[in-house]
ModelCIF file with pLDDT and N, C-alpha, C, O atoms, coordinates in Angstrom:
data_MODEL
#
_entry.id   MODEL 
#
_entity.id                         1 
_entity.type                       polymer 
_entity.pdbx_number_of_molecules   1 
#
_entity_poly.entity_id                      1 
_entity_poly.type                           'polypeptide(L)' 
_entity_poly.nstd_linkage                   no 
_entity_poly.nstd_monomer                   no 
_entity_poly.pdbx_seq_one_letter_code       PCIDIHKGKVKQIVGSTLSDTKGNDSTLVTNFESDKS 
_entity_poly.pdbx_seq_one_letter_code_can   PCIDIHKGKVKQIVGSTLSDTKGNDSTLVTNFESDKS 
_entity_poly.pdbx_strand_id                 A 
#
loop_
_entity_poly_seq.entity_id 
_entity_poly_seq.num 
_entity_poly_seq.mon_id 
_entity_poly_seq.hetero 
1 1  PRO n 
1 2  CYS n 
1 3  ILE n 
1 4  ASP n 
1 5  ILE n 
1 6  HIS n 
1 7  LYS n 
1 8  GLY n 
1 9  LYS n 
1 10 VAL n 
1 11 LYS n 
1 12 GLN n 
1 13 ILE n 
1 14 VAL n 
1 15 GLY n 
1 16 SER n 
1 17 THR n 
1 18 LEU n 
1 19 SER n 
1 20 ASP n 
1 21 THR n 
1 22 LYS n 
1 23 GLY n 
1 24 ASN n 
1 25 ASP n 
1 26 SER n 
1 27 THR n 
1 28 LEU n 
1 29 VAL n 
1 30 THR n 
1 31 ASN n 
1 32 PHE n 
1 33 GLU n 
1 34 SER n 
1 35 ASP n 
1 36 LYS n 
1 37 SER n 
#
_struct_asym.id          A 
_struct_asym.entity_id   1 
#
loop_
_ma_qa_metric.id 
_ma_qa_metric.mode 
_ma_qa_metric.name 
_ma_qa_metric.software_group_id 
_ma_qa_metric.type 
1 global pLDDT . pLDDT 
2 local  pLDDT . pLDDT 
#
_ma_qa_metric_global.metric_id      1 
_ma_qa_metric_global.metric_value   77.05 
_ma_qa_metric_global.model_id       1 
_ma_qa_metric_global.ordinal_id     1 
#
loop_
_ma_qa_metric_local.label_asym_id 
_ma_qa_metric_local.label_comp_id 
_ma_qa_metric_local.label_seq_id 
_ma_qa_metric_local.metric_id 
_ma_qa_metric_local.metric_value 
_ma_qa_metric_local.model_id 
_ma_qa_metric_local.ordinal_id 
A PRO 1  2 98.00 1 1  
A CYS 2  2 97.00 1 2  
A ILE 3  2 97.00 1 3  
A ASP 4  2 95.00 1 4  
A ILE 5  2 96.00 1 5  
A HIS 6  2 94.00 1 6  
A LYS 7  2 94.00 1 7  
A GLY 8  2 96.00 1 8  
A LYS 9  2 96.00 1 9  
A VAL 10 2 97.00 1 10 
A LYS 11 2 93.00 1 11 
A GLN 12 2 88.00 1 12 
A ILE 13 2 84.00 1 13 
A VAL 14 2 68.00 1 14 
A GLY 15 2 54.00 1 15 
A SER 16 2 52.00 1 16 
A THR 17 2 56.00 1 17 
A LEU 18 2 54.00 1 18 
A SER 19 2 50.00 1 19 
A ASP 20 2 51.00 1 20 
A THR 21 2 44.00 1 21 
A LYS 22 2 53.00 1 22 
A GLY 23 2 52.00 1 23 
A ASN 24 2 50.00 1 24 
A ASP 25 2 54.00 1 25 
A SER 26 2 49.00 1 26 
A THR 27 2 61.00 1 27 
A LEU 28 2 70.00 1 28 
A VAL 29 2 79.00 1 29 
A THR 30 2 84.00 1 30 
A ASN 31 2 81.00 1 31 
A PHE 32 2 87.00 1 32 
A GLU 33 2 93.00 1 33 
A SER 34 2 94.00 1 34 
A ASP 35 2 95.00 1 35 
A LYS 36 2 97.00 1 36 
A SER 37 2 98.00 1 37 
#
loop_
_atom_site.group_PDB 
_atom_site.id 
_atom_site.type_symbol 
_atom_site.label_atom_id 
_atom_site.label_alt_id 
_atom_site.label_comp_id 
_atom_site.label_asym_id 
_atom_site.label_entity_id 
_atom_site.label_seq_id 
_atom_site.pdbx_PDB_ins_code 
_atom_site.Cartn_x 
_atom_site.Cartn_y 
_atom_site.Cartn_z 
_atom_site.occupancy 
_atom_site.B_iso_or_equiv 
_atom_site.pdbx_formal_charge 
_atom_site.auth_seq_id 
_atom_site.auth_comp_id 
_atom_site.auth_asym_id 
_atom_site.auth_atom_id 
_atom_site.pdbx_PDB_model_num 
ATOM 1   N N  . PRO A 1 1  ? 265.044 -23.960 157.994 1.00 98.00 ? 1  PRO A N  1 
ATOM 2   C CA . PRO A 1 1  ? 266.067 -23.293 159.545 1.00 98.00 ? 1  PRO A CA 1 
ATOM 3   C C  . PRO A 1 1  ? 266.197 -23.707 160.308 1.00 98.00 ? 1  PRO A C  1 
ATOM 4   O O  . PRO A 1 1  ? 265.354 -24.457 160.798 1.00 98.00 ? 1  PRO A O  1 
ATOM 5   N N  . CYS A 1 2  ? 267.495 -23.412 160.916 1.00 97.00 ? 2  CYS A N  1 
ATOM 6   C CA . CYS A 1 2  ? 268.175 -23.825 162.350 1.00 97.00 ? 2  CYS A CA 1 
ATOM 7   C C  . CYS A 1 2  ? 268.225 -22.860 163.832 1.00 97.00 ? 2  CYS A C  1 
ATOM 8   O O  . CYS A 1 2  ? 269.031 -23.527 164.481 1.00 97.00 ? 2  CYS A O  1 
ATOM 9   N N  . ILE A 1 3  ? 268.110 -22.518 164.094 1.00 97.00 ? 3  ILE A N  1 
ATOM 10  C CA . ILE A 1 3  ? 268.601 -22.069 165.504 1.00 97.00 ? 3  ILE A CA 1 
ATOM 11  C C  . ILE A 1 3  ? 269.528 -22.344 166.282 1.00 97.00 ? 3  ILE A C  1 
ATOM 12  O O  . ILE A 1 3  ? 268.991 -22.800 167.292 1.00 97.00 ? 3  ILE A O  1 
ATOM 13  N N  . ASP A 1 4  ? 270.945 -22.331 166.442 1.00 95.00 ? 4  ASP A N  1 
ATOM 14  C CA . ASP A 1 4  ? 272.341 -23.061 167.839 1.00 95.00 ? 4  ASP A CA 1 
ATOM 15  C C  . ASP A 1 4  ? 272.274 -22.704 168.454 1.00 95.00 ? 4  ASP A C  1 
ATOM 16  O O  . ASP A 1 4  ? 272.917 -21.657 168.526 1.00 95.00 ? 4  ASP A O  1 
ATOM 17  N N  . ILE A 1 5  ? 271.658 -23.003 169.329 1.00 96.00 ? 5  ILE A N  1 
ATOM 18  C CA . ILE A 1 5  ? 271.725 -21.870 171.054 1.00 96.00 ? 5  ILE A CA 1 
ATOM 19  C C  . ILE A 1 5  ? 273.231 -21.881 171.751 1.00 96.00 ? 5  ILE A C  1 
ATOM 20  O O  . ILE A 1 5  ? 273.793 -22.940 171.474 1.00 96.00 ? 5  ILE A O  1 
ATOM 21  N N  . HIS A 1 6  ? 273.960 -21.102 172.487 1.00 94.00 ? 6  HIS A N  1 
ATOM 22  C CA . HIS A 1 6  ? 275.164 -21.818 173.434 1.00 94.00 ? 6  HIS A CA 1 
ATOM 23  C C  . HIS A 1 6  ? 275.295 -20.326 174.010 1.00 94.00 ? 6  HIS A C  1 
ATOM 24  O O  . HIS A 1 6  ? 275.494 -19.191 173.577 1.00 94.00 ? 6  HIS A O  1 
ATOM 25  N N  . LYS A 1 7  ? 274.997 -21.176 175.616 1.00 94.00 ? 7  LYS A N  1 
ATOM 26  C CA . LYS A 1 7  ? 274.953 -20.322 176.682 1.00 94.00 ? 7  LYS A CA 1 
ATOM 27  C C  . LYS A 1 7  ? 273.929 -19.011 176.493 1.00 94.00 ? 7  LYS A C  1 
ATOM 28  O O  . LYS A 1 7  ? 274.214 -17.837 176.728 1.00 94.00 ? 7  LYS A O  1 
ATOM 29  N N  . GLY A 1 8  ? 273.355 -19.250 176.273 1.00 96.00 ? 8  GLY A N  1 
ATOM 30  C CA . GLY A 1 8  ? 271.750 -18.076 175.359 1.00 96.00 ? 8  GLY A CA 1 
ATOM 31  C C  . GLY A 1 8  ? 271.459 -17.458 173.935 1.00 96.00 ? 8  GLY A C  1 
ATOM 32  O O  . GLY A 1 8  ? 270.417 -17.261 173.310 1.00 96.00 ? 8  GLY A O  1 
ATOM 33  N N  . LYS A 1 9  ? 273.226 -17.160 173.587 1.00 96.00 ? 9  LYS A N  1 
ATOM 34  C CA . LYS A 1 9  ? 273.391 -16.335 171.942 1.00 96.00 ? 9  LYS A CA 1 
ATOM 35  C C  . LYS A 1 9  ? 273.172 -17.519 171.186 1.00 96.00 ? 9  LYS A C  1 
ATOM 36  O O  . LYS A 1 9  ? 273.408 -18.719 171.328 1.00 96.00 ? 9  LYS A O  1 
ATOM 37  N N  . VAL A 1 10 ? 272.723 -16.896 170.464 1.00 97.00 ? 10 VAL A N  1 
ATOM 38  C CA . VAL A 1 10 ? 272.662 -17.861 168.890 1.00 97.00 ? 10 VAL A CA 1 
ATOM 39  C C  . VAL A 1 10 ? 273.777 -17.885 167.665 1.00 97.00 ? 10 VAL A C  1 
ATOM 40  O O  . VAL A 1 10 ? 273.895 -17.301 166.588 1.00 97.00 ? 10 VAL A O  1 
ATOM 41  N N  . LYS A 1 11 ? 274.632 -19.008 168.508 1.00 93.00 ? 11 LYS A N  1 
ATOM 42  C CA . LYS A 1 11 ? 276.127 -19.199 166.976 1.00 93.00 ? 11 LYS A CA 1 
ATOM 43  C C  . LYS A 1 11 ? 276.097 -20.240 166.197 1.00 93.00 ? 11 LYS A C  1 
ATOM 44  O O  . LYS A 1 11 ? 275.345 -21.212 166.125 1.00 93.00 ? 11 LYS A O  1 
ATOM 45  N N  . GLN A 1 12 ? 277.199 -19.836 165.511 1.00 88.00 ? 12 GLN A N  1 
ATOM 46  C CA . GLN A 1 12 ? 277.119 -21.232 164.400 1.00 88.00 ? 12 GLN A CA 1 
ATOM 47  C C  . GLN A 1 12 ? 278.710 -21.799 165.402 1.00 88.00 ? 12 GLN A C  1 
ATOM 48  O O  . GLN A 1 12 ? 279.677 -21.303 165.981 1.00 88.00 ? 12 GLN A O  1 
ATOM 49  N N  . ILE A 1 13 ? 278.351 -22.599 165.210 1.00 84.00 ? 13 ILE A N  1 
ATOM 50  C CA . ILE A 1 13 ? 279.799 -23.950 166.256 1.00 84.00 ? 13 ILE A CA 1 
ATOM 51  C C  . ILE A 1 13 ? 279.852 -24.963 165.288 1.00 84.00 ? 13 ILE A C  1 
ATOM 52  O O  . ILE A 1 13 ? 278.926 -25.568 164.747 1.00 84.00 ? 13 ILE A O  1 
ATOM 53  N N  . VAL A 1 14 ? 281.411 -25.091 165.105 1.00 68.00 ? 14 VAL A N  1 
ATOM 54  C CA . VAL A 1 14 ? 282.102 -26.510 164.374 1.00 68.00 ? 14 VAL A CA 1 
ATOM 55  C C  . VAL A 1 14 ? 281.370 -27.509 165.267 1.00 68.00 ? 14 VAL A C  1 
ATOM 56  O O  . VAL A 1 14 ? 282.190 -27.918 166.089 1.00 68.00 ? 14 VAL A O  1 
ATOM 57  N N  . GLY A 1 15 ? 280.568 -27.891 165.394 1.00 54.00 ? 15 GLY A N  1 
ATOM 58  C CA . GLY A 1 15 ? 279.762 -29.157 165.994 1.00 54.00 ? 15 GLY A CA 1 
ATOM 59  C C  . GLY A 1 15 ? 280.279 -30.598 167.004 1.00 54.00 ? 15 GLY A C  1 
ATOM 60  O O  . GLY A 1 15 ? 279.820 -31.362 167.853 1.00 54.00 ? 15 GLY A O  1 
ATOM 61  N N  . SER A 1 16 ? 282.095 -30.215 165.899 1.00 52.00 ? 16 SER A N  1 
ATOM 62  C CA . SER A 1 16 ? 282.818 -31.567 166.694 1.00 52.00 ? 16 SER A CA 1 
ATOM 63  C C  . SER A 1 16 ? 283.531 -30.901 167.844 1.00 52.00 ? 16 SER A C  1 
ATOM 64  O O  . SER A 1 16 ? 283.967 -31.649 168.718 1.00 52.00 ? 16 SER A O  1 
ATOM 65  N N  . THR A 1 17 ? 283.699 -29.689 167.961 1.00 56.00 ? 17 THR A N  1 
ATOM 66  C CA . THR A 1 17 ? 284.784 -29.022 169.029 1.00 56.00 ? 17 THR A CA 1 
ATOM 67  C C  . THR A 1 17 ? 284.109 -29.000 169.937 1.00 56.00 ? 17 THR A C  1 
ATOM 68  O O  . THR A 1 17 ? 284.690 -28.659 170.968 1.00 56.00 ? 17 THR A O  1 
ATOM 69  N N  . LEU A 1 18 ? 282.618 -29.324 170.070 1.00 54.00 ? 18 LEU A N  1 
ATOM 70  C CA . LEU A 1 18 ? 281.962 -28.869 171.436 1.00 54.00 ? 18 LEU A CA 1 
ATOM 71  C C  . LEU A 1 18 ? 282.513 -29.749 172.105 1.00 54.00 ? 18 LEU A C  1 
ATOM 72  O O  . LEU A 1 18 ? 282.999 -30.682 171.465 1.00 54.00 ? 18 LEU A O  1 
ATOM 73  N N  . SER A 1 19 ? 282.646 -29.767 173.764 1.00 50.00 ? 19 SER A N  1 
ATOM 74  C CA . SER A 1 19 ? 283.075 -30.409 174.993 1.00 50.00 ? 19 SER A CA 1 
ATOM 75  C C  . SER A 1 19 ? 282.092 -30.421 175.895 1.00 50.00 ? 19 SER A C  1 
ATOM 76  O O  . SER A 1 19 ? 281.407 -29.492 176.322 1.00 50.00 ? 19 SER A O  1 
ATOM 77  N N  . ASP A 1 20 ? 282.083 -32.245 176.296 1.00 51.00 ? 20 ASP A N  1 
ATOM 78  C CA . ASP A 1 20 ? 280.691 -32.290 177.126 1.00 51.00 ? 20 ASP A CA 1 
ATOM 79  C C  . ASP A 1 20 ? 281.812 -32.232 179.309 1.00 51.00 ? 20 ASP A C  1 
ATOM 80  O O  . ASP A 1 20 ? 281.482 -32.430 180.479 1.00 51.00 ? 20 ASP A O  1 
ATOM 81  N N  . THR A 1 21 ? 283.220 -31.801 178.468 1.00 44.00 ? 21 THR A N  1 
ATOM 82  C CA . THR A 1 21 ? 283.840 -30.497 179.788 1.00 44.00 ? 21 THR A CA 1 
ATOM 83  C C  . THR A 1 21 ? 283.406 -29.698 180.475 1.00 44.00 ? 21 THR A C  1 
ATOM 84  O O  . THR A 1 21 ? 284.062 -28.657 180.526 1.00 44.00 ? 21 THR A O  1 
ATOM 85  N N  . LYS A 1 22 ? 282.227 -29.767 181.259 1.00 53.00 ? 22 LYS A N  1 
ATOM 86  C CA . LYS A 1 22 ? 281.776 -28.377 181.729 1.00 53.00 ? 22 LYS A CA 1 
ATOM 87  C C  . LYS A 1 22 ? 282.723 -27.264 181.763 1.00 53.00 ? 22 LYS A C  1 
ATOM 88  O O  . LYS A 1 22 ? 283.852 -27.564 182.154 1.00 53.00 ? 22 LYS A O  1 
ATOM 89  N N  . GLY A 1 23 ? 282.458 -25.708 181.352 1.00 52.00 ? 23 GLY A N  1 
ATOM 90  C CA . GLY A 1 23 ? 283.521 -24.590 181.080 1.00 52.00 ? 23 GLY A CA 1 
ATOM 91  C C  . GLY A 1 23 ? 284.387 -24.725 180.573 1.00 52.00 ? 23 GLY A C  1 
ATOM 92  O O  . GLY A 1 23 ? 285.168 -23.773 180.547 1.00 52.00 ? 23 GLY A O  1 
ATOM 93  N N  . ASN A 1 24 ? 284.723 -25.897 179.928 1.00 50.00 ? 24 ASN A N  1 
ATOM 94  C CA . ASN A 1 24 ? 285.833 -26.724 178.851 1.00 50.00 ? 24 ASN A CA 1 
ATOM 95  C C  . ASN A 1 24 ? 285.833 -25.888 177.310 1.00 50.00 ? 24 ASN A C  1 
ATOM 96  O O  . ASN A 1 24 ? 285.867 -26.682 176.370 1.00 50.00 ? 24 ASN A O  1 
ATOM 97  N N  . ASP A 1 25 ? 285.797 -24.321 176.875 1.00 54.00 ? 25 ASP A N  1 
ATOM 98  C CA . ASP A 1 25 ? 285.770 -24.199 176.139 1.00 54.00 ? 25 ASP A CA 1 
ATOM 99  C C  . ASP A 1 25 ? 286.618 -23.703 174.601 1.00 54.00 ? 25 ASP A C  1 
ATOM 100 O O  . ASP A 1 25 ? 286.230 -23.241 173.527 1.00 54.00 ? 25 ASP A O  1 
ATOM 101 N N  . SER A 1 26 ? 288.278 -24.176 175.319 1.00 49.00 ? 26 SER A N  1 
ATOM 102 C CA . SER A 1 26 ? 289.465 -23.968 175.153 1.00 49.00 ? 26 SER A CA 1 
ATOM 103 C C  . SER A 1 26 ? 289.589 -24.600 173.595 1.00 49.00 ? 26 SER A C  1 
ATOM 104 O O  . SER A 1 26 ? 290.433 -24.135 172.829 1.00 49.00 ? 26 SER A O  1 
ATOM 105 N N  . THR A 1 27 ? 288.515 -25.905 173.094 1.00 61.00 ? 27 THR A N  1 
ATOM 106 C CA . THR A 1 27 ? 288.943 -25.869 172.133 1.00 61.00 ? 27 THR A CA 1 
ATOM 107 C C  . THR A 1 27 ? 287.901 -25.897 170.511 1.00 61.00 ? 27 THR A C  1 
ATOM 108 O O  . THR A 1 27 ? 287.957 -26.426 169.401 1.00 61.00 ? 27 THR A O  1 
ATOM 109 N N  . LEU A 1 28 ? 286.660 -24.598 171.585 1.00 70.00 ? 28 LEU A N  1 
ATOM 110 C CA . LEU A 1 28 ? 285.639 -24.679 171.059 1.00 70.00 ? 28 LEU A CA 1 
ATOM 111 C C  . LEU A 1 28 ? 285.832 -23.355 169.596 1.00 70.00 ? 28 LEU A C  1 
ATOM 112 O O  . LEU A 1 28 ? 286.302 -22.234 169.794 1.00 70.00 ? 28 LEU A O  1 
ATOM 113 N N  . VAL A 1 29 ? 285.441 -23.759 168.485 1.00 79.00 ? 29 VAL A N  1 
ATOM 114 C CA . VAL A 1 29 ? 285.321 -23.392 166.928 1.00 79.00 ? 29 VAL A CA 1 
ATOM 115 C C  . VAL A 1 29 ? 284.193 -22.762 166.823 1.00 79.00 ? 29 VAL A C  1 
ATOM 116 O O  . VAL A 1 29 ? 283.216 -23.362 166.374 1.00 79.00 ? 29 VAL A O  1 
ATOM 117 N N  . THR A 1 30 ? 284.067 -20.782 167.407 1.00 84.00 ? 30 THR A N  1 
ATOM 118 C CA . THR A 1 30 ? 282.811 -20.420 167.247 1.00 84.00 ? 30 THR A CA 1 
ATOM 119 C C  . THR A 1 30 ? 282.798 -19.588 165.508 1.00 84.00 ? 30 THR A C  1 
ATOM 120 O O  . THR A 1 30 ? 283.763 -18.859 165.281 1.00 84.00 ? 30 THR A O  1 
ATOM 121 N N  . ASN A 1 31 ? 281.851 -19.718 164.518 1.00 81.00 ? 31 ASN A N  1 
ATOM 122 C CA . ASN A 1 31 ? 282.057 -19.207 163.177 1.00 81.00 ? 31 ASN A CA 1 
ATOM 123 C C  . ASN A 1 31 ? 280.660 -17.628 163.229 1.00 81.00 ? 31 ASN A C  1 
ATOM 124 O O  . ASN A 1 31 ? 280.214 -16.791 162.445 1.00 81.00 ? 31 ASN A O  1 
ATOM 125 N N  . PHE A 1 32 ? 280.507 -17.983 164.504 1.00 87.00 ? 32 PHE A N  1 
ATOM 126 C CA . PHE A 1 32 ? 279.479 -17.012 164.616 1.00 87.00 ? 32 PHE A CA 1 
ATOM 127 C C  . PHE A 1 32 ? 279.200 -16.948 165.702 1.00 87.00 ? 32 PHE A C  1 
ATOM 128 O O  . PHE A 1 32 ? 279.095 -17.949 166.411 1.00 87.00 ? 32 PHE A O  1 
ATOM 129 N N  . GLU A 1 33 ? 278.917 -15.177 166.308 1.00 93.00 ? 33 GLU A N  1 
ATOM 130 C CA . GLU A 1 33 ? 277.706 -14.816 167.483 1.00 93.00 ? 33 GLU A CA 1 
ATOM 131 C C  . GLU A 1 33 ? 277.099 -13.686 166.911 1.00 93.00 ? 33 GLU A C  1 
ATOM 132 O O  . GLU A 1 33 ? 277.632 -12.687 166.427 1.00 93.00 ? 33 GLU A O  1 
ATOM 133 N N  . SER A 1 34 ? 275.178 -14.156 167.106 1.00 94.00 ? 34 SER A N  1 
ATOM 134 C CA . SER A 1 34 ? 275.079 -13.176 166.533 1.00 94.00 ? 34 SER A CA 1 
ATOM 135 C C  . SER A 1 34 ? 274.633 -12.044 168.313 1.00 94.00 ? 34 SER A C  1 
ATOM 136 O O  . SER A 1 34 ? 274.961 -12.122 169.497 1.00 94.00 ? 34 SER A O  1 
ATOM 137 N N  . ASP A 1 35 ? 273.781 -11.159 167.501 1.00 95.00 ? 35 ASP A N  1 
ATOM 138 C CA . ASP A 1 35 ? 273.219 -10.065 168.560 1.00 95.00 ? 35 ASP A CA 1 
ATOM 139 C C  . ASP A 1 35 ? 271.291 -9.947  168.559 1.00 95.00 ? 35 ASP A C  1 
ATOM 140 O O  . ASP A 1 35 ? 270.426 -9.490  169.305 1.00 95.00 ? 35 ASP A O  1 
ATOM 141 N N  . LYS A 1 36 ? 271.372 -10.848 166.905 1.00 97.00 ? 36 LYS A N  1 
ATOM 142 C CA . LYS A 1 36 ? 270.231 -11.130 167.132 1.00 97.00 ? 36 LYS A CA 1 
ATOM 143 C C  . LYS A 1 36 ? 268.889 -12.444 168.661 1.00 97.00 ? 36 LYS A C  1 
ATOM 144 O O  . LYS A 1 36 ? 269.682 -13.142 169.293 1.00 97.00 ? 36 LYS A O  1 
ATOM 145 N N  . SER A 1 37 ? 268.048 -12.605 168.930 1.00 98.00 ? 37 SER A N  1 
ATOM 146 C CA . SER A 1 37 ? 268.374 -13.347 169.685 1.00 98.00 ? 37 SER A CA 1 
ATOM 147 C C  . SER A 1 37 ? 267.767 -14.093 169.049 1.00 98.00 ? 37 SER A C  1 
ATOM 148 O O  . SER A 1 37 ? 267.701 -15.277 169.381 1.00 98.00 ? 37 SER A O  1 
#
């Protein structure tokens, strides 16, 4: 099993859309964000 965390939230993100540029989420593709911790 997995738990992927982005900015404190459990999310499922298309990893290849992540960027190292701080604050640059314009190209980020998020499939899911959970309300569970």
